[in-house]
C-alpha atoms as a PDB file:
ATOM      1  CA  MET A   1     151.985 -20.268  55.734  1.00  0.00           C
ATOM      2  CA  SER A   2     151.425 -21.579  52.245  1.00  0.00           C
ATOM      3  CA  GLU A   3     150.310 -19.443  49.366  1.00  0.00           C
ATOM      4  CA  GLU A   4     146.887 -20.337  48.061  1.00  0.00           C
ATOM      5  CA  LYS A   5     146.757 -20.463  44.284  1.00  0.00           C
ATOM      6  CA  THR A   6     143.661 -18.845  42.840  1.00  0.00           C
ATOM      7  CA  GLU A   7     142.480 -20.091  39.480  1.00  0.00           C
ATOM      8  CA  THR A   8     141.559 -17.554  36.839  1.00  0.00           C
ATOM      9  CA  THR A   9     137.914 -17.936  35.854  1.00  0.00           C
ATOM     10  CA  MET A  10     136.600 -18.067  32.286  1.00  0.00           C
ATOM     11  CA  TYR A  11     134.983 -14.665  32.879  1.00  0.00           C
ATOM     12  CA  GLN A  12     138.259 -13.104  34.041  1.00  0.00           C
ATOM     13  CA  LEU A  13     140.013 -14.428  30.941  1.00  0.00           C
ATOM     14  CA  ALA A  14     137.171 -13.171  28.725  1.00  0.00           C
ATOM     15  CA  ASP A  15     137.452  -9.731  30.340  1.00  0.00           C
ATOM     16  CA  GLN A  16     141.122  -9.616  29.316  1.00  0.00           C
ATOM     17  CA  PHE A  17     140.212 -10.377  25.681  1.00  0.00           C
ATOM     18  CA  ILE A  18     137.434  -7.774  25.782  1.00  0.00           C
ATOM     19  CA  ALA A  19     139.811  -5.169  27.211  1.00  0.00           C
ATOM     20  CA  LEU A  20     142.219  -5.817  24.340  1.00  0.00           C
ATOM     21  CA  ALA A  21     139.359  -5.673  21.821  1.00  0.00           C
ATOM     22  CA  ASN A  22     138.217  -2.347  23.295  1.00  0.00           C
ATOM     23  CA  GLN A  23     141.757  -1.004  23.063  1.00  0.00           C
ATOM     24  CA  LEU A  24     142.037  -2.129  19.440  1.00  0.00           C
ATOM     25  CA  GLY A  25     138.588  -0.684  18.723  1.00  0.00           C
ATOM     26  CA  GLN A  26     139.821   2.723  19.870  1.00  0.00           C
ATOM     27  CA  THR A  27     143.069   2.428  17.910  1.00  0.00           C
ATOM     28  CA  GLU A  28     141.445   1.164  14.714  1.00  0.00           C
ATOM     29  CA  ASN A  29     138.234   3.185  15.125  1.00  0.00           C
ATOM     30  CA  ASP A  30     136.404   0.254  13.501  1.00  0.00           C
ATOM     31  CA  ILE A  31     134.407  -2.008  15.831  1.00  0.00           C
ATOM     32  CA  GLY A  32     133.360  -4.239  12.893  1.00  0.00           C
ATOM     33  CA  LYS A  33     136.971  -4.900  11.921  1.00  0.00           C
ATOM     34  CA  VAL A  34     137.884  -5.732  15.514  1.00  0.00           C
ATOM     35  CA  GLY A  35     134.807  -7.955  15.916  1.00  0.00           C
ATOM     36  CA  THR A  36     135.666  -9.836  12.728  1.00  0.00           C
ATOM     37  CA  ALA A  37     139.268 -10.298  13.862  1.00  0.00           C
ATOM     38  CA  LEU A  38     138.094 -11.535  17.261  1.00  0.00           C
ATOM     39  CA  ARG A  39     135.714 -14.071  15.672  1.00  0.00           C
ATOM     40  CA  PHE A  40     138.492 -15.280  13.370  1.00  0.00           C
ATOM     41  CA  ALA A  41     140.892 -15.584  16.312  1.00  0.00           C
ATOM     42  CA  ALA A  42     138.275 -17.543  18.283  1.00  0.00           C
ATOM     43  CA  ALA A  43     137.670 -19.857  15.314  1.00  0.00           C
ATOM     44  CA  ARG A  44     141.392 -20.417  14.837  1.00  0.00           C
ATOM     45  CA  TYR A  45     141.975 -21.115  18.523  1.00  0.00           C
ATOM     46  CA  ASN A  46     138.910 -23.378  18.793  1.00  0.00           C
ATOM     47  CA  ALA A  47     140.122 -25.382  15.776  1.00  0.00           C
ATOM     48  CA  PHE A  48     143.460 -25.778  17.564  1.00  0.00           C
ATOM     49  CA  GLU A  49     141.637 -26.800  20.773  1.00  0.00           C
ATOM     50  CA  ALA A  50     139.628 -29.414  18.859  1.00  0.00           C
ATOM     51  CA  ALA A  51     142.771 -30.743  17.175  1.00  0.00           C
ATOM     52  CA  VAL A  52     144.579 -31.103  20.516  1.00  0.00           C
ATOM     53  CA  LYS A  53     141.612 -32.769  22.245  1.00  0.00           C
ATOM     54  CA  SER A  54     140.655 -35.098  19.400  1.00  0.00           C
ATOM     55  CA  SER A  55     142.152 -38.475  18.644  1.00  0.00           C
ATOM     56  CA  ASN A  56     140.719 -38.303  15.090  1.00  0.00           C
ATOM     57  CA  LEU A  57     139.726 -34.766  14.099  1.00  0.00           C
ATOM     58  CA  GLU A  58     138.648 -35.746  10.617  1.00  0.00           C
ATOM     59  CA  ALA A  59     136.121 -38.233  12.025  1.00  0.00           C
ATOM     60  CA  GLU A  60     135.021 -35.843  14.799  1.00  0.00           C
ATOM     61  CA  LYS A  61     134.916 -32.643  12.710  1.00  0.00           C
ATOM     62  CA  GLU A  62     131.106 -32.468  12.352  1.00  0.00           C
ATOM     63  CA  ASN A  63     130.601 -33.112  16.075  1.00  0.00           C
ATOM     64  CA  ALA A  64     133.160 -30.409  16.871  1.00  0.00           C
ATOM     65  CA  LEU A  65     131.428 -27.942  14.528  1.00  0.00           C
ATOM     66  CA  SER A  66     128.066 -28.654  16.152  1.00  0.00           C
ATOM     67  CA  TRP A  67     129.425 -28.413  19.679  1.00  0.00           C
ATOM     68  CA  PHE A  68     131.320 -25.136  19.151  1.00  0.00           C
ATOM     69  CA  THR A  69     128.404 -23.634  17.195  1.00  0.00           C
ATOM     70  CA  GLU A  70     125.895 -24.424  19.944  1.00  0.00           C
ATOM     71  CA  GLU A  71     128.271 -23.124  22.631  1.00  0.00           C
ATOM     72  CA  TYR A  72     128.763 -19.844  20.747  1.00  0.00           C
ATOM     73  CA  LYS A  73     125.050 -19.492  19.980  1.00  0.00           C
ATOM     74  CA  GLY A  74     124.159 -19.866  23.659  1.00  0.00           C
ATOM     75  CA  MET A  75     126.799 -17.375  24.763  1.00  0.00           C
ATOM     76  CA  LEU A  76     125.813 -14.874  22.059  1.00  0.00           C
ATOM     77  CA  ASN A  77     122.117 -15.214  22.940  1.00  0.00           C
ATOM     78  CA  GLU A  78     122.843 -14.575  26.614  1.00  0.00           C
ATOM     79  CA  ASN A  79     124.900 -11.474  25.828  1.00  0.00           C
ATOM     80  CA  LEU A  80     122.403 -10.116  23.272  1.00  0.00           C
ATOM     81  CA  ASN A  81     119.672 -10.427  25.903  1.00  0.00           C
ATOM     82  CA  ASP A  82     121.900  -8.573  28.356  1.00  0.00           C
ATOM     83  CA  HIS A  83     122.419  -5.720  25.861  1.00  0.00           C
ATOM     84  CA  ILE A  84     118.671  -5.582  25.149  1.00  0.00           C
ATOM     85  CA  LYS A  85     118.039  -5.106  28.862  1.00  0.00           C
ATOM     86  CA  ASN A  86     121.066  -2.815  29.340  1.00  0.00           C
ATOM     87  CA  PRO A  87     121.851  -0.997  26.080  1.00  0.00           C
ATOM     88  CA  PRO A  88     125.365   0.399  25.701  1.00  0.00           C
ATOM     89  CA  GLY A  89     125.249   4.117  26.380  1.00  0.00           C
ATOM     90  CA  GLY A  90     122.385   3.891  28.871  1.00  0.00           C
ATOM     91  CA  GLN A  91     118.650   4.378  28.534  1.00  0.00           C
ATOM     92  CA  ASN A  92     118.913   7.352  26.167  1.00  0.00           C
ATOM     93  CA  ALA A  93     120.774   5.306  23.567  1.00  0.00           C
ATOM     94  CA  ALA A  94     117.521   4.251  21.876  1.00  0.00           C
ATOM     95  CA  GLU A  95     116.520   7.913  21.469  1.00  0.00           C
ATOM     96  CA  GLU A  96     119.762   8.886  19.708  1.00  0.00           C
ATOM     97  CA  LYS A  97     119.990   9.147  15.933  1.00  0.00           C
ATOM     98  CA  PRO A  98     120.821   5.747  14.361  1.00  0.00           C
ATOM     99  CA  ASP A  99     124.409   5.303  13.220  1.00  0.00           C
ATOM    100  CA  ASP A 100     124.373   4.617   9.464  1.00  0.00           C
ATOM    101  CA  SER A 101     127.827   3.027   9.679  1.00  0.00           C
ATOM    102  CA  VAL A 102     126.507   0.187  11.847  1.00  0.00           C
ATOM    103  CA  GLN A 103     125.681  -3.117  10.139  1.00  0.00           C
ATOM    104  CA  VAL A 104     121.979  -3.906  10.008  1.00  0.00           C
ATOM    105  CA  PHE A 105     121.442  -7.630  10.518  1.00  0.00           C
ATOM    106  CA  LYS A 106     118.820  -9.195   8.254  1.00  0.00           C
ATOM    107  CA  ASN A 107     118.059 -12.745   7.143  1.00  0.00           C
END
């Protein structure tokens, strides 16, 4: 019998990053700090990914920026919609007193 290799999915890998972020969020007690660090780490790793995949990063930089930006925007939109439909903390979360420490996003 041969062992069948199972490939880790993108979602399984993402869950590992989220688990680490949740752990750091508890340790640091600052979800904004952890979110900022995670975005910076993603940007740093995506720049590395672009550099490895590109034959001329300087010439392809704007295309890379557009591609990664659109990818992130789509993923963020999908997850924001999910949290609108399923707020963290359940249905009563909207009835709770607003947390003044949370960033309010405005244009």
